[in-house]
Protein backbone atom coordinates (compact mmCIF):
# COMPACT_ATOMS: atom_id res chain seq x y z
CA MET A 1 88.94 103.94 67.66
CA ARG A 2 86.17 105.97 69.49
CA VAL A 3 84.94 104.53 72.70
CA VAL A 4 81.43 105.73 73.77
CA ILE A 5 80.60 105.94 77.58
CA SER A 6 77.72 108.04 77.58
CA ALA A 7 75.38 105.24 78.47
CA LEU A 8 77.66 104.24 81.47
CA ASN A 9 75.32 103.83 84.59
CA LYS A 10 75.87 106.66 86.80
CA LEU A 11 76.30 104.12 89.74
CA PHE A 12 79.71 103.04 87.87
CA GLU A 13 81.08 106.52 87.30
CA ASN A 14 83.20 106.23 90.35
CA ARG A 15 86.54 104.42 90.23
CA VAL A 16 85.94 102.43 93.62
CA ARG A 17 82.46 101.38 92.74
CA LEU A 18 83.64 100.29 89.22
CA GLY A 19 86.46 98.45 90.79
CA ILE A 20 83.95 96.60 93.22
CA MET A 21 81.67 95.39 90.57
CA SER A 22 85.00 94.43 88.51
CA VAL A 23 86.26 92.30 91.18
CA LEU A 24 82.83 90.86 91.87
CA ILE A 25 81.74 89.85 88.27
CA VAL A 26 84.71 87.63 87.99
CA ASN A 27 84.77 86.01 91.40
CA ASP A 28 81.92 84.03 93.07
CA PHE A 29 82.44 85.99 96.29
CA TYR A 30 84.86 88.42 97.72
CA ASP A 31 85.43 89.64 101.28
CA PHE A 32 85.66 93.00 102.50
CA ASN A 33 89.30 93.07 103.49
CA ASN A 34 90.56 91.58 100.35
CA LEU A 35 88.43 94.04 98.48
CA LYS A 36 90.26 97.00 100.15
CA GLU A 37 93.77 95.83 98.95
CA PRO A 38 93.40 95.99 94.99
CA LEU A 39 91.23 98.99 95.12
CA GLU A 40 93.70 100.82 97.81
CA VAL A 41 90.85 102.44 99.82
CA THR A 42 90.15 102.69 103.61
CA ASP A 43 87.40 100.91 105.70
CA GLY A 44 85.39 103.96 105.70
CA ASN A 45 85.58 104.76 101.88
CA LEU A 46 84.78 101.09 100.84
CA ALA A 47 81.91 100.96 103.39
CA SER A 48 80.48 104.00 101.78
CA HIS A 49 80.69 102.77 98.31
CA ILE A 50 79.50 99.19 99.16
CA LYS A 51 76.40 101.15 100.87
CA ALA A 52 75.51 102.73 97.79
CA LEU A 53 75.58 99.67 95.59
CA LYS A 54 73.75 97.53 98.31
CA GLU A 55 71.01 99.93 98.25
CA ASN A 56 70.59 99.46 94.59
CA LYS A 57 70.51 95.51 95.12
CA LEU A 58 73.65 94.85 92.90
CA PHE A 59 75.08 92.38 95.38
CA GLU A 60 74.25 90.37 98.28
CA PHE A 61 76.54 89.78 101.46
CA ASN A 62 77.07 87.11 103.96
CA LYS A 63 78.29 87.85 107.42
CA LYS A 64 79.79 85.27 109.43
CA PHE A 65 82.55 84.97 112.15
CA ILE A 66 85.86 83.21 111.48
CA GLY A 67 87.19 82.40 114.95
CA ARG A 68 86.26 85.49 117.00
CA LYS A 69 86.57 88.00 114.08
CA PRO A 70 83.62 89.04 111.85
CA ASN A 71 83.82 88.64 108.02
CA THR A 72 81.84 90.05 105.55
CA SER A 73 81.55 88.56 101.86
CA TYR A 74 79.74 90.05 98.88
CA SER A 75 78.68 88.25 95.62
CA ILE A 76 76.98 90.03 92.71
CA THR A 77 73.15 89.42 91.86
CA GLU A 78 72.09 88.99 88.58
CA THR A 79 70.87 92.59 88.48
CA GLY A 80 74.14 93.68 89.22
CA VAL A 81 75.59 91.45 86.37
CA GLN A 82 73.03 92.88 83.88
CA LEU A 83 73.43 96.57 84.92
CA PHE A 84 77.35 96.05 84.86
CA ARG A 85 77.23 94.42 81.43
């Protein structure tokens, strides 16, 4: 069987970005620290990929504090779902 990926959106050519979107498409939301674990990336690496996806409005984020620690969670937008599929 031949798989054609020539139509793959350039935003998803990177393994980390593809992983971020894969996690978000099957979960209502996911927080920053939990995203790092399955993707096996550093804070800085994840932040740079998140920035690129956020600039294209593929997901939304919610910042809050849990106790005294900041927590950022992400959820995919309808635009993100359409582009990813």
